[in-house]
Protein backbone atom coordinates (compact mmCIF):
# COMPACT_ATOMS: atom_id res chain seq x y z
CA MET A 1 6.11 20.99 52.38
CA LYS A 2 3.48 18.67 54.04
CA ARG A 3 4.50 15.79 51.76
CA ALA A 4 8.20 16.39 52.42
CA ILE A 5 7.62 16.41 56.34
CA LEU A 6 5.69 13.09 55.96
CA ILE A 7 8.34 11.33 53.82
CA ILE A 8 10.98 12.40 56.54
CA ALA A 9 8.79 11.02 59.23
CA LEU A 10 8.19 7.89 57.30
CA ILE A 11 11.97 7.20 56.82
CA SER A 12 12.60 7.73 60.54
CA ALA A 13 9.66 5.47 61.58
CA PHE A 14 10.56 2.89 59.01
CA ALA A 15 13.46 1.52 61.13
CA GLY A 16 10.79 0.31 63.62
CA ALA A 17 8.05 -0.61 61.33
CA TRP A 18 6.75 -3.97 60.29
CA THR A 19 8.53 -4.49 57.18
CA PHE A 20 8.06 -8.33 56.07
CA HIS A 21 6.31 -7.23 52.76
CA GLY A 22 7.78 -3.67 52.55
CA ALA A 23 6.51 -0.98 54.57
CA PHE A 24 6.41 1.74 51.93
CA PHE A 25 7.77 -0.96 49.56
CA LEU A 26 11.41 -0.51 50.47
CA ASP A 27 11.71 -3.82 51.98
CA GLY A 28 10.99 -5.76 48.99
CA PRO A 29 8.03 -7.81 47.78
CA ILE A 30 6.13 -10.32 49.64
CA MET A 31 7.06 -14.08 49.18
CA PRO A 32 6.74 -15.26 45.60
CA SER A 33 3.39 -16.45 44.68
CA GLY A 34 4.40 -19.95 43.91
CA SER A 35 5.00 -22.25 47.02
CA ALA A 36 7.73 -24.19 45.32
CA THR A 37 9.81 -21.00 44.85
CA ALA A 38 8.83 -19.91 48.30
CA GLY A 39 10.08 -23.15 49.83
CA MET A 40 13.69 -22.58 48.14
CA GLY A 41 14.16 -19.33 50.08
CA GLY A 42 12.24 -17.13 47.71
CA LEU A 43 14.45 -17.49 44.77
CA ARG A 44 14.04 -14.68 42.19
CA VAL A 45 16.75 -15.38 39.49
CA LEU A 46 16.58 -19.29 39.11
CA PRO A 47 13.50 -20.39 40.77
CA PRO A 48 11.61 -23.61 39.87
CA ASP A 49 9.55 -23.69 36.70
CA GLU A 50 6.04 -22.43 37.52
CA PRO A 51 3.69 -19.91 36.06
CA SER A 52 3.87 -17.34 39.05
CA SER A 53 7.65 -17.16 38.48
CA ALA A 54 6.89 -14.82 35.64
CA LEU A 55 6.68 -11.86 38.26
CA TRP A 56 10.33 -12.00 38.93
CA ALA A 57 12.07 -14.58 36.61
CA PRO A 58 10.12 -15.00 33.36
CA THR A 59 12.68 -17.49 32.19
CA ALA A 60 11.20 -19.96 34.59
CA ILE A 61 7.87 -20.19 32.84
CA PRO A 62 6.78 -23.77 32.14
CA ARG A 63 8.24 -24.59 28.67
CA GLU A 64 5.27 -26.64 27.02
CA GLY A 65 1.56 -27.11 27.32
CA LEU A 66 -1.06 -25.39 29.47
CA VAL A 67 -0.36 -25.04 33.23
CA LEU A 68 -2.72 -23.44 35.82
CA SER A 69 -1.90 -22.32 39.19
CA ALA A 70 -3.51 -20.72 42.15
CA ASN A 71 -2.03 -19.86 45.52
CA VAL A 72 -2.88 -18.52 48.93
CA ASP A 73 -0.31 -17.41 51.52
CA LEU A 74 -0.44 -16.25 55.12
CA ALA A 75 2.03 -14.42 57.22
CA ARG A 76 1.79 -14.02 60.95
CA MET A 77 4.02 -11.32 62.36
CA SER A 78 4.91 -10.66 66.01
CA GLU A 79 6.74 -7.76 67.33
CA ASN A 80 8.03 -6.95 70.77
CA ARG A 81 9.32 -3.37 71.63
CA ALA A 82 11.65 -3.18 74.72
CA LEU A 83 13.10 -0.03 76.34
CA PRO A 84 16.53 -0.34 78.31
CA LEU A 85 16.63 -0.44 81.96
CA TYR A 86 19.52 1.00 83.83
CA ASP A 87 20.93 0.62 87.34
CA SER A 88 22.04 3.24 89.72
CA PHE A 89 25.45 3.57 88.12
CA ASN A 90 23.91 4.20 84.82
CA ASN A 91 24.75 0.79 83.25
CA ARG A 92 22.18 -0.95 81.13
CA ALA A 93 20.86 -3.83 83.21
CA GLY A 94 18.15 -5.22 81.07
CA TRP A 95 15.20 -4.54 78.93
CA THR A 96 11.54 -4.41 79.70
CA ILE A 97 8.86 -4.94 76.93
CA TYR A 98 6.52 -2.07 76.80
CA ALA A 99 4.53 -2.96 73.52
CA SER A 100 3.72 -6.23 71.87
CA SER A 101 1.68 -6.76 68.71
CA ALA A 102 0.73 -9.29 66.10
CA LYS A 103 -1.07 -9.38 62.80
CA THR A 104 -1.85 -11.98 60.11
CA TYR A 105 -1.70 -10.96 56.37
CA PRO A 106 -3.04 -12.85 53.47
CA ALA A 107 -1.85 -12.85 49.75
CA ILE A 108 -3.41 -14.61 46.78
CA GLY A 109 -2.53 -15.18 43.15
CA ALA A 110 -3.58 -16.99 40.10
CA PHE A 111 -1.63 -17.70 36.85
CA ALA A 112 -1.87 -19.61 33.54
CA SER A 113 1.08 -20.38 31.14
CA TYR A 114 0.99 -21.79 27.76
CA GLY A 115 3.90 -23.07 25.72
CA LEU A 116 3.77 -23.89 22.08
CA VAL A 117 5.09 -27.31 21.12
CA GLY A 118 8.36 -27.38 19.18
CA ASP A 119 11.93 -26.40 19.47
CA PHE A 120 12.59 -22.59 20.19
CA MET A 121 8.79 -21.89 20.65
CA PRO A 122 7.74 -19.22 23.02
CA SER A 123 5.79 -19.59 26.23
CA PHE A 124 3.27 -17.17 27.59
CA VAL A 125 1.88 -16.23 30.88
CA VAL A 126 -1.06 -14.17 32.17
CA GLY A 127 -1.82 -13.89 35.98
CA TYR A 128 -2.94 -11.71 38.74
CA SER A 129 -1.58 -11.43 42.24
CA THR A 130 -0.70 -9.56 45.29
CA VAL A 131 2.76 -8.10 44.69
CA PHE A 132 3.87 -5.65 47.46
CA ASP A 133 1.86 -5.48 50.67
CA ALA A 134 2.01 -2.31 52.87
CA ASN A 135 0.52 -3.69 56.03
CA TYR A 136 2.66 -2.92 58.92
CA ILE A 137 2.59 -1.95 62.62
CA TYR A 138 4.47 0.94 64.23
CA ARG A 139 4.60 1.46 67.97
CA GLU A 140 6.78 3.77 70.13
CA GLN A 141 7.13 5.12 73.56
CA VAL A 142 5.28 8.19 74.68
CA ARG A 143 7.28 9.55 77.83
CA GLN A 144 7.00 12.30 80.45
CA ARG A 145 8.70 15.60 79.59
CA GLU A 146 7.63 18.23 82.14
CA ASP A 147 10.91 17.42 84.21
CA PRO A 148 14.05 16.08 82.74
CA ASN A 149 14.74 14.16 85.91
CA ILE A 150 11.43 12.22 85.54
CA ASP A 151 11.61 9.34 83.19
CA ALA A 152 8.00 8.11 83.13
CA LEU A 153 6.42 5.84 80.32
CA LEU A 154 2.99 7.19 79.62
CA GLY A 155 1.91 4.74 76.92
CA THR A 156 2.56 4.02 73.27
CA TRP A 157 1.84 5.80 70.00
CA ALA A 158 0.63 3.75 66.99
CA ILE A 159 0.56 4.02 63.34
CA ASP A 160 -1.07 1.25 61.34
CA SER A 161 -1.14 0.86 57.55
CA GLU A 162 -3.15 -1.32 55.28
CA GLY A 163 -3.20 -1.99 51.56
CA ALA A 164 -1.43 -3.59 48.89
CA LEU A 165 -0.22 -3.22 45.21
CA SER A 166 -1.72 -5.95 43.00
CA GLY A 167 -2.21 -6.42 39.31
CA PRO A 168 -2.03 -8.41 36.27
CA THR A 169 1.12 -9.82 35.00
CA PHE A 170 1.99 -10.55 31.30
CA ALA A 171 5.06 -12.46 30.23
CA ILE A 172 6.90 -14.18 27.55
CA ARG A 173 9.74 -16.80 27.52
CA GLU A 174 11.86 -17.78 24.49
CA ASP A 175 14.68 -20.34 24.21
CA ILE A 176 17.72 -19.32 22.33
CA LEU A 177 19.54 -22.26 20.65
CA HIS A 178 20.18 -25.02 23.10
CA TYR A 179 22.17 -23.12 25.68
CA GLY A 180 19.97 -20.36 26.94
CA THR A 181 16.50 -18.77 27.60
CA VAL A 182 15.33 -15.09 27.78
CA GLY A 183 12.11 -13.66 29.20
CA VAL A 184 10.38 -10.42 29.94
CA SER A 185 7.36 -9.58 32.04
CA ALA A 186 5.34 -6.58 32.91
CA THR A 187 3.09 -6.25 35.94
CA LEU A 188 0.61 -3.40 36.12
CA LEU A 189 0.55 -2.40 39.84
CA SER A 190 -2.23 -0.45 41.48
CA GLY A 191 -3.69 -0.06 44.85
CA GLU A 192 -4.92 2.07 47.66
CA ILE A 193 -2.82 2.42 50.82
CA SER A 194 -4.56 3.66 54.10
CA MET A 195 -2.93 4.78 57.12
CA ARG A 196 -4.41 5.27 60.71
CA ARG A 197 -2.57 6.87 63.69
CA SER A 198 -3.09 7.27 67.47
CA ALA A 199 -4.84 10.53 68.77
CA PRO A 200 -2.28 13.26 69.12
CA ALA A 201 -0.21 12.91 72.32
CA ASP A 202 -0.67 15.11 75.41
CA GLU A 203 1.26 18.25 75.53
CA SER A 204 3.25 17.00 78.48
CA ALA A 205 4.48 13.96 76.48
CA VAL A 206 7.23 13.48 74.03
CA HIS A 207 7.83 10.88 71.39
CA ASN A 208 9.64 10.23 68.06
CA ALA A 209 6.70 10.50 65.81
CA GLU A 210 5.72 14.04 66.68
CA PRO A 211 6.51 15.19 63.09
CA TRP A 212 3.61 12.89 62.07
CA GLU A 213 1.32 14.99 64.19
CA ALA A 214 2.12 18.08 62.11
CA VAL A 215 1.45 16.21 58.96
CA PHE A 216 -1.86 14.65 59.98
CA GLU A 217 -2.91 17.81 61.59
CA ALA A 218 -6.43 17.01 63.08
CA ASP A 219 -6.90 13.91 60.96
CA THR A 220 -6.27 10.35 62.18
CA SER A 221 -6.24 8.70 58.75
CA TYR A 222 -4.71 9.05 55.25
CA SER A 223 -5.11 7.22 52.10
CA ALA A 224 -3.28 7.34 48.66
CA GLU A 225 -3.75 5.74 45.35
CA LEU A 226 -0.60 4.32 43.82
CA SER A 227 0.26 2.78 40.37
CA GLY A 228 2.97 1.98 38.10
CA VAL A 229 4.44 -0.78 35.82
CA MET A 230 7.04 -3.13 37.00
CA PHE A 231 9.25 -4.94 34.40
CA SER A 232 11.47 -7.96 34.85
CA LEU A 233 13.94 -8.89 32.51
CA SER A 234 15.87 -12.27 32.82
CA ALA A 235 18.20 -14.50 30.90
CA VAL A 236 19.50 -18.00 31.87
CA ALA A 237 22.60 -19.64 30.15
CA THR A 238 22.91 -23.42 30.39
CA PRO A 239 26.51 -24.29 29.32
CA THR A 240 26.17 -27.95 30.48
CA ASP A 241 23.48 -30.24 31.99
CA ARG A 242 24.89 -29.39 35.50
CA TRP A 243 25.42 -25.71 35.50
CA GLN A 244 23.00 -22.65 35.11
CA ILE A 245 23.85 -19.03 35.38
CA GLY A 246 21.01 -16.46 35.50
CA LEU A 247 20.75 -12.69 35.41
CA ARG A 248 17.68 -10.65 36.32
CA PHE A 249 17.04 -6.97 36.16
CA SER A 250 14.21 -4.70 37.35
CA PRO A 251 14.37 -1.02 36.76
CA GLU A 252 12.92 1.62 39.02
CA VAL A 253 9.30 1.94 39.29
CA ASP A 254 7.78 5.41 39.53
CA LEU A 255 4.34 4.88 41.56
CA GLY A 256 3.22 8.50 41.08
CA GLU A 257 2.81 11.46 43.22
CA SER A 258 1.39 10.21 46.72
CA LEU A 259 1.79 10.71 50.40
CA TYR A 260 4.40 7.66 50.35
CA PRO A 261 7.87 7.38 49.02
CA ASP A 262 6.88 6.58 45.49
CA ILE A 263 9.92 4.94 43.92
CA LEU A 264 10.68 1.31 43.83
CA PRO A 265 14.53 0.88 43.63
CA SER A 266 15.99 -1.02 40.81
CA ARG A 267 17.38 -4.54 41.24
CA LEU A 268 20.11 -6.56 39.50
CA GLY A 269 20.48 -10.13 40.41
CA ILE A 270 22.70 -12.98 39.35
CA GLY A 271 22.02 -16.70 40.31
CA VAL A 272 24.11 -19.92 39.92
CA GLY A 273 22.53 -23.31 39.85
CA TYR A 274 24.17 -26.69 40.07
CA ARG A 275 23.19 -30.39 39.77
CA PRO A 276 25.63 -32.66 41.78
CA PRO A 277 27.08 -35.65 40.07
CA GLY A 278 24.96 -38.82 40.55
CA TYR A 279 21.78 -36.69 41.58
CA VAL A 280 20.12 -35.86 38.23
CA VAL A 281 17.01 -34.64 39.96
CA SER A 282 18.72 -32.43 42.67
CA ARG A 283 19.54 -28.86 42.31
CA VAL A 284 21.13 -26.22 44.50
CA VAL A 285 20.93 -22.39 43.76
CA ALA A 286 22.87 -19.44 45.17
CA GLU A 287 21.67 -15.85 44.25
CA PHE A 288 22.99 -12.36 44.93
CA GLU A 289 20.86 -9.36 44.23
CA PHE A 290 21.95 -5.69 44.17
CA VAL A 291 19.44 -3.22 45.18
CA GLY A 292 19.85 0.27 44.06
CA TYR A 293 18.75 2.26 47.17
CA SER A 294 21.23 5.00 46.68
CA THR A 295 19.48 6.23 43.44
CA LEU A 296 16.62 7.17 45.75
CA ALA A 297 18.75 9.91 47.36
CA ASP A 298 18.56 11.88 43.96
CA LYS A 299 14.74 11.76 44.21
CA ASP A 300 14.14 13.28 47.45
CA SER A 301 16.43 14.52 50.32
CA ALA A 302 14.44 12.19 52.84
CA PHE A 303 16.42 9.29 51.32
CA ALA A 304 19.96 10.95 51.64
CA GLU A 305 21.05 8.32 54.24
CA MET A 306 20.30 5.24 52.06
CA THR A 307 23.12 3.35 50.46
CA ASP A 308 22.98 0.30 47.98
CA SER A 309 22.49 -3.02 49.52
CA TRP A 310 22.81 -6.74 48.64
CA GLU A 311 20.52 -9.58 49.16
CA PHE A 312 21.42 -13.22 49.49
CA ARG A 313 19.44 -16.32 48.85
CA VAL A 314 20.07 -20.06 48.61
CA GLY A 315 17.78 -22.94 47.83
CA LEU A 316 17.93 -26.62 47.40
CA GLU A 317 15.47 -29.04 45.74
CA HIS A 318 15.72 -32.84 45.83
CA ILE A 319 13.31 -35.57 44.51
CA LEU A 320 12.79 -38.21 47.00
CA PRO A 321 11.48 -41.83 46.34
CA GLY A 322 7.86 -41.69 45.01
CA ASN A 323 8.71 -38.44 43.16
CA VAL A 324 8.10 -36.46 46.28
CA PRO A 325 10.14 -32.97 46.09
CA PHE A 326 11.91 -31.85 49.30
CA ARG A 327 12.79 -27.99 49.24
CA VAL A 328 14.74 -25.93 51.64
CA GLY A 329 16.11 -22.37 51.41
CA ALA A 330 17.40 -19.39 53.30
CA TYR A 331 17.86 -15.71 52.69
CA HIS A 332 19.46 -12.62 54.36
CA TYR A 333 19.31 -8.99 53.55
CA LYS A 334 19.54 -5.45 55.31
CA ILE A 335 17.48 -2.34 54.91
CA PRO A 336 20.09 0.29 54.72
CA LEU A 337 18.75 3.00 57.06
CA ILE A 338 20.98 4.87 59.58
CA ASP A 339 20.86 1.88 61.76
CA PRO A 340 20.58 -1.07 59.14
CA VAL A 341 17.64 -3.30 59.71
CA PRO A 342 18.69 -7.07 59.20
CA ARG A 343 16.34 -9.79 57.98
CA THR A 344 17.16 -13.49 58.09
CA GLY A 345 14.78 -16.20 57.01
CA PHE A 346 14.50 -20.00 56.52
CA THR A 347 11.93 -21.95 54.42
CA VAL A 348 11.00 -25.55 53.71
CA GLY A 349 8.56 -27.09 51.45
CA SER A 350 7.41 -30.12 49.55
CA ALA A 351 4.51 -31.26 47.28
CA VAL A 352 1.88 -34.07 46.97
CA SER A 353 -0.21 -35.30 43.92
CA VAL A 354 -3.92 -35.31 44.08
CA GLY A 355 -5.27 -36.69 40.99
CA PRO A 356 -4.32 -34.67 38.04
CA ALA A 357 -3.13 -31.72 40.41
CA ARG A 358 -0.06 -31.24 42.34
CA VAL A 359 -0.24 -29.37 45.55
CA ASP A 360 2.93 -27.53 46.61
CA PHE A 361 3.19 -26.11 50.11
CA PHE A 362 5.68 -24.28 52.29
CA ALA A 363 6.42 -22.84 55.67
CA GLY A 364 9.00 -20.41 56.82
CA TYR A 365 10.35 -18.42 59.65
CA GLN A 366 11.92 -14.97 59.47
CA MET A 367 13.69 -13.19 62.45
CA SER A 368 14.94 -9.72 62.90
CA THR A 369 16.31 -7.95 65.95
CA PHE A 370 17.43 -4.36 65.67
CA ARG A 371 17.75 -1.10 67.47
CA HIS A 372 15.42 1.99 66.95
CA HIS A 373 16.84 5.37 66.33
CA PRO A 374 17.55 7.43 69.46
CA GLN A 375 14.21 7.89 71.27
CA PHE A 376 14.77 11.17 72.86
CA PRO A 377 16.96 14.17 73.42
CA GLU A 378 19.75 13.55 76.15
CA SER A 379 18.17 16.59 77.98
CA TRP A 380 14.93 14.53 78.65
CA LEU A 381 16.74 11.51 80.00
CA PRO A 382 16.98 10.80 83.67
CA ARG A 383 20.12 12.05 85.30
CA PRO A 384 21.15 13.98 82.22
CA PHE A 385 24.71 14.79 83.76
CA GLU A 386 25.44 11.04 83.55
CA THR A 387 24.22 10.41 80.06
CA ALA A 388 27.30 10.78 77.85
CA ASN A 389 27.73 7.19 77.27
CA ARG A 390 24.06 6.03 77.37
CA GLU A 391 22.16 4.37 74.48
CA ASP A 392 18.54 5.12 74.93
CA LEU A 393 17.43 3.03 71.98
CA ASP A 394 14.49 0.61 71.83
CA ARG A 395 15.22 -2.90 70.93
CA ILE A 396 12.87 -4.53 68.49
CA GLU A 397 12.32 -8.08 68.03
CA GLU A 398 10.23 -9.35 65.17
CA SER A 399 9.38 -12.98 64.29
CA LEU A 400 7.45 -14.05 61.19
CA PHE A 401 5.88 -17.31 60.64
CA MET A 402 4.54 -17.73 56.97
CA GLY A 403 3.10 -20.62 54.88
CA GLY A 404 1.06 -21.24 51.81
CA LEU A 405 0.01 -23.64 49.30
CA THR A 406 -0.28 -23.66 45.59
CA ILE A 407 -2.42 -25.92 43.35
CA VAL A 408 -0.83 -26.65 40.04
CA LEU A 409 -2.76 -28.38 37.16
CA GLU A 410 -0.82 -29.30 34.08
CA LEU A 411 -3.30 -30.05 31.08
């Protein structure tokens, strides 16, 4: 019962949570470990060839020789929560920010690939990286409830989560004839997630996260150990020198019994790559990925409102004079809650050569504006007899600045 209450509270809180790298892992993984891939919008079906691509698309493992890579990424997230202001005619006249927060999150990874020389010889990858990050921020109003005609903001109630799922990745790639490639990878995920919350609100206050207090009881923190194996299977067909068609599938991952939703949804992606005539070194890629959120409804009633969703990504790479790559990308997706939470991001990247090494780097910006679920029962709103058409919803504005670099050494 305790776990069921917590999961329901998590889903209700999730709409207003920090979800760049997946509060409770429902928002997808962090940016790919490789900066070349991240600079092209985080492609996951037809990314550039680099060792870290083994996580999502093992067909993009470098074909021959020994390639080493190491990366570090940083993300700076800012969130403003605003509540609506109403005039004497009960019309929404504006917004006022009542809570602002910001945090910086790191991610690291290191990979090595080795491809045997010769036609139709396999390539292998071993690596270690942060895969899913559970850092997030949750803030919401705490308001007066002693008198329905008094609408007083008393403060904010907070939940902060830290932790990540990391682990080693093992992958293999194999060319099939001259027209296609297949690959498979396995990542052994494990990690501890810890959660801290504010002290219980005063009895004269009301807020949406009250179910949390029943779950936490007298505690102010929780922790959970999670683990599971994530598989990625991919195939790429190259019917001509200009066209690529890719397919990627990741089945559900059971992270075991925990205090958190413990299932990663399945993903099925398709990508199309094209090299325009006259630009042998240019490539543009479009991807569509189906995320099977609806299957979570069969796992627990707390997921009953979730529906399947699509993610869209596009990336372009062009080699400038001096063999300098220019990369740009964009992506969009929604978290299918009762009120969907949209995410839209833009990325750009390039690379420089330093001796025998290549340094890839990228920067990106993600934006999201959405509405919180209803904050309070109508009986506790000011002038309850006039509230039939009111929307007492928080407006959440999130912005994310991200960047990273990857050092690649081809031996």
